[in-house]
Each structure stands twice: as C-alpha cells, then as structure tokens.
C-alpha cells in the first residue's frame, strides 16, 4: 500500500487538476473561499483521521495554494466500517456567486445551529474566529489546524499499537504540540 501522502496527492489531483476533463467540474482559485470535508468511511481511528487531515491541509496549501476556511472531519457516511476516507472540497465563492449571495452568508448557513446527528461540532470550525481569539490571547496565528488533539488529552493517551506509535513524530511536528513524556512505546512486533 502506498504511503498516505501519495494517496492524498492522487486524490487531490483528481479533484483539482483543471486539465482532467472527466473530473474537473469545479474550478478553484487561491482567492476562493473553500470548505473541506474529510469523511471517515468508518474504520479509521481518530488519530489516523487527524493525521490524514493534516496531510490534506498541507498539500492543499503547498501544491494548490488553497487554504480551506472551514474544515469538517468525521464519520458522515460509512461503508460498513471500511478502512478508508474521502475528501470533498466545496468552492463556496462559486456557490455564493451562483446563488447571488456572499460567501459570508454561505458561511453563516454552514455555522448555523443544527440537530443533524452527523454534522460536526469539532475543534476545526471557523478558522478565522479561532485565529482572532488566539491573537487576542497573544498566541501564534499560523493556519495549521490544531484539530481534535488537545494537550489535556495527550498525557492520558497510550498507543497500544507499534505502527501508530511510529507516526507520533510526524503527527506532533505537524500539529506543533509537544509529545507527552508519559507515553512509552509498546514492545515492537
């Protein structure tokens, strides 16, 4: 199986390559307001899903010059606990133009309260609002999402699988969190 970075690179090529006449239905420009949805087909752990989200977000920024303004991550539509994921990108600027609305109005609709059971209420949400709060607190404002991994959670987490533990350095370097000192590696296979 290829590494996740290669899989994501190919997925984004299918989504964004304007030369692909079979799939290039939606055009994206760096100035567009973009929403990103990462769907867990049911068989991925939260840790794996967070790592994939970071990979997708990084490749969108580095390879396509796109920075999603909303990121939704979760289990929206499953495939009987299939070990996979999907990536969906929405060009909210284009949607707003087509509906004779502003992007802000579309964001309001996405941010509106809902009782839909699968719609996420996670730590990604409104990225600009989170950055404004960080500036007010005097914290860094880089666009990298902290995601659902929180410092308070990390010190109680112990990986039970050697394969997961191997990815800790990458996960922590991308999330800019300090790995917990209490986590010890399990015995290798």
Protein backbone atom coordinates (compact mmCIF):
# COMPACT_ATOMS: atom_id res chain seq x y z
CA UNK A 1 0.00 0.00 0.00
CA UNK A 2 1.39 3.45 -0.86
CA UNK A 3 2.04 5.98 1.91
CA UNK A 4 -0.86 8.32 2.80
CA UNK A 5 0.93 11.33 1.26
CA UNK A 6 0.89 9.62 -2.17
CA UNK A 7 -2.77 8.63 -1.83
CA UNK A 8 -3.76 12.19 -0.87
CA UNK A 9 -1.66 13.65 -3.71
CA UNK A 10 -3.52 11.46 -6.22
CA UNK A 11 -6.92 12.25 -4.69
CA UNK A 12 -6.28 15.99 -4.86
CA UNK A 13 -5.12 15.65 -8.45
CA UNK A 14 -8.46 14.01 -9.29
CA UNK A 15 -10.30 16.81 -7.52
CA UNK A 16 -8.34 19.84 -8.68
CA UNK A 17 -6.48 19.21 -11.97
CA UNK A 18 -8.14 21.57 -14.50
CA UNK A 19 -6.70 19.50 -17.39
CA UNK A 20 -8.69 16.43 -16.30
CA UNK A 21 -11.82 16.89 -18.44
CA UNK A 22 -13.51 13.82 -16.89
CA UNK A 23 -13.41 15.20 -13.35
CA UNK A 24 -12.64 18.94 -13.36
CA UNK A 25 -16.20 20.16 -12.81
CA UNK A 26 -15.40 22.78 -10.20
CA UNK A 27 -12.63 25.33 -10.64
CA UNK A 28 -10.69 26.61 -7.63
CA UNK A 29 -8.62 29.80 -7.41
CA UNK A 30 -6.37 30.74 -4.47
CA UNK A 31 -8.71 33.64 -3.67
CA UNK A 32 -11.77 31.38 -3.36
CA UNK A 33 -13.38 30.56 -0.03
CA UNK A 34 -13.09 26.78 0.28
CA UNK A 35 -14.71 24.28 2.64
CA UNK A 36 -13.09 20.89 3.14
CA UNK A 37 -14.79 17.76 4.41
CA UNK A 38 -12.81 14.65 5.37
CA UNK A 39 -15.11 11.63 5.75
CA UNK A 40 -14.11 8.53 7.69
CA UNK A 41 -15.62 5.50 5.97
CA UNK A 42 -15.86 4.01 9.45
CA UNK A 43 -12.68 2.03 10.02
CA UNK A 44 -10.13 4.75 10.82
CA UNK A 45 -9.17 5.83 14.31
CA UNK A 46 -9.39 9.49 15.32
CA UNK A 47 -5.59 9.61 15.35
CA UNK A 48 -5.38 8.33 11.76
CA UNK A 49 -8.11 10.73 10.65
CA UNK A 50 -6.28 13.68 12.26
CA UNK A 51 -3.03 12.71 10.52
CA UNK A 52 -4.84 12.46 7.15
CA UNK A 53 -6.49 15.84 7.72
CA UNK A 54 -3.08 17.42 8.35
CA UNK A 55 -1.69 15.81 5.19
CA UNK A 56 -4.61 17.04 3.06
CA UNK A 57 -4.45 20.56 4.51
CA UNK A 58 -0.68 20.76 3.99
CA UNK A 59 -0.83 19.51 0.39
CA UNK A 60 -3.70 21.88 -0.45
CA UNK A 61 -1.60 24.78 0.80
CA UNK A 62 1.74 23.72 -0.68
CA UNK A 63 0.67 22.18 -4.00
CA UNK A 64 -2.54 24.04 -4.88
CA UNK A 65 -2.25 27.32 -2.93
CA UNK A 66 -5.63 26.69 -1.30
CA UNK A 67 -6.42 27.27 2.37
CA UNK A 68 -9.84 25.99 3.50
CA UNK A 69 -11.81 28.44 5.62
CA UNK A 70 -13.94 25.63 7.07
CA UNK A 71 -12.79 22.09 7.79
CA UNK A 72 -15.20 19.34 8.72
CA UNK A 73 -13.83 15.98 9.84
CA UNK A 74 -15.80 12.99 10.98
CA UNK A 75 -17.82 9.93 10.12
CA UNK A 76 -20.54 11.32 7.87
CA UNK A 77 -21.21 8.40 5.55
CA UNK A 78 -19.75 4.99 6.27
CA UNK A 79 -19.08 1.84 4.32
CA UNK A 80 -19.62 -0.83 6.97
CA UNK A 81 -16.54 0.28 8.89
CA UNK A 82 -14.42 0.37 5.75
CA UNK A 83 -10.79 1.36 6.38
CA UNK A 84 -10.81 4.40 4.13
CA UNK A 85 -11.67 8.06 3.77
CA UNK A 86 -12.92 10.57 1.25
CA UNK A 87 -12.04 14.21 0.61
CA UNK A 88 -14.66 16.71 -0.52
CA UNK A 89 -13.89 20.30 -1.43
CA UNK A 90 -16.52 22.98 -1.89
CA UNK A 91 -15.88 26.27 -3.65
CA UNK A 92 -18.09 28.48 -1.51
CA UNK A 93 -17.20 31.58 -3.54
CA UNK A 94 -18.59 29.93 -6.65
CA UNK A 95 -21.69 28.72 -4.80
CA UNK A 96 -22.27 32.24 -3.44
CA UNK A 97 -21.98 33.76 -6.93
CA UNK A 98 -24.39 31.17 -8.34
CA UNK A 99 -26.95 31.93 -5.62
CA UNK A 100 -26.43 35.70 -5.76
CA UNK A 101 -25.22 35.65 -2.16
CA UNK A 102 -21.97 36.47 -0.39
CA UNK A 103 -19.52 33.89 0.93
CA UNK A 104 -20.24 35.25 4.42
CA UNK A 105 -23.90 34.30 4.01
CA UNK A 106 -22.93 30.78 2.95
CA UNK A 107 -20.63 30.50 5.98
CA UNK A 108 -23.49 31.64 8.21
CA UNK A 109 -25.58 28.77 6.90
CA UNK A 110 -22.77 26.28 7.50
CA UNK A 111 -22.22 27.63 11.01
CA UNK A 112 -25.91 27.71 11.95
CA UNK A 113 -27.01 25.55 14.87
CA UNK A 114 -28.33 22.15 13.85
CA UNK A 115 -29.64 18.97 15.37
CA UNK A 116 -28.32 16.86 12.50
CA UNK A 117 -26.59 13.99 14.30
CA UNK A 118 -23.64 13.59 11.93
CA UNK A 119 -22.81 17.26 11.35
CA UNK A 120 -19.56 18.03 13.16
CA UNK A 121 -19.22 20.21 16.16
CA UNK A 122 -15.47 19.65 16.39
CA UNK A 123 -12.42 21.81 17.04
CA UNK A 124 -11.92 22.88 13.42
CA UNK A 125 -14.99 25.05 12.78
CA UNK A 126 -14.49 28.72 11.99
CA UNK A 127 -10.74 29.05 11.45
CA UNK A 128 -10.72 32.87 11.25
CA UNK A 129 -12.61 33.19 14.53
CA UNK A 130 -10.18 30.84 16.26
CA UNK A 131 -7.24 32.85 14.90
CA UNK A 132 -8.80 36.11 16.13
CA UNK A 133 -9.18 34.61 19.61
CA UNK A 134 -5.56 33.43 19.51
CA UNK A 135 -4.39 36.94 18.55
CA UNK A 136 -6.42 38.38 21.42
CA UNK A 137 -4.70 35.91 23.77
CA UNK A 138 -1.29 36.74 22.26
CA UNK A 139 -0.83 33.26 20.76
CA UNK A 140 0.56 32.29 17.34
CA UNK A 141 -1.86 32.55 14.42
CA UNK A 142 -0.49 30.09 11.88
CA UNK A 143 -3.22 28.39 9.83
CA UNK A 144 -2.24 24.84 10.75
CA UNK A 145 -5.25 23.32 12.48
CA UNK A 146 -4.80 22.02 15.99
CA UNK A 147 -7.69 19.66 15.32
CA UNK A 148 -9.24 17.44 17.92
CA UNK A 149 -5.93 16.54 19.64
CA UNK A 150 -5.69 18.60 22.83
CA UNK A 151 -2.84 18.83 25.36
CA UNK A 152 -5.11 17.71 28.20
CA UNK A 153 -5.87 14.53 26.28
CA UNK A 154 -2.32 13.69 25.25
CA UNK A 155 -0.93 12.88 28.68
CA UNK A 156 -3.52 10.14 29.18
CA UNK A 157 -3.05 8.57 25.75
CA UNK A 158 -1.01 5.40 25.40
CA UNK A 159 -0.71 3.87 21.93
CA UNK A 160 -1.43 0.16 22.01
CA UNK A 161 -0.05 -0.49 18.60
CA UNK A 162 3.54 -0.13 17.43
CA UNK A 163 2.50 1.09 13.97
CA UNK A 164 0.58 4.04 15.44
CA UNK A 165 3.49 4.96 17.72
CA UNK A 166 5.86 5.18 14.73
CA UNK A 167 3.82 8.10 13.36
CA UNK A 168 3.92 10.16 16.58
CA UNK A 169 6.90 12.33 15.49
CA UNK A 170 5.15 13.34 12.26
CA UNK A 171 1.80 13.93 13.94
CA UNK A 172 3.29 16.07 16.69
CA UNK A 173 5.57 18.04 14.36
CA UNK A 174 2.63 18.90 12.09
CA UNK A 175 0.32 19.82 14.96
CA UNK A 176 3.03 21.82 16.79
CA UNK A 177 2.16 20.04 20.04
CA UNK A 178 4.75 18.58 22.36
CA UNK A 179 4.61 14.79 22.58
CA UNK A 180 3.62 13.68 26.07
CA UNK A 181 6.55 12.45 28.12
CA UNK A 182 4.38 9.83 29.81
CA UNK A 183 3.81 7.91 26.58
CA UNK A 184 6.11 4.94 26.31
CA UNK A 185 6.38 2.89 23.13
CA UNK A 186 4.80 -0.54 23.21
CA UNK A 187 7.01 -3.53 22.57
CA UNK A 188 7.86 -3.77 18.85
CA UNK A 189 6.32 -6.62 16.88
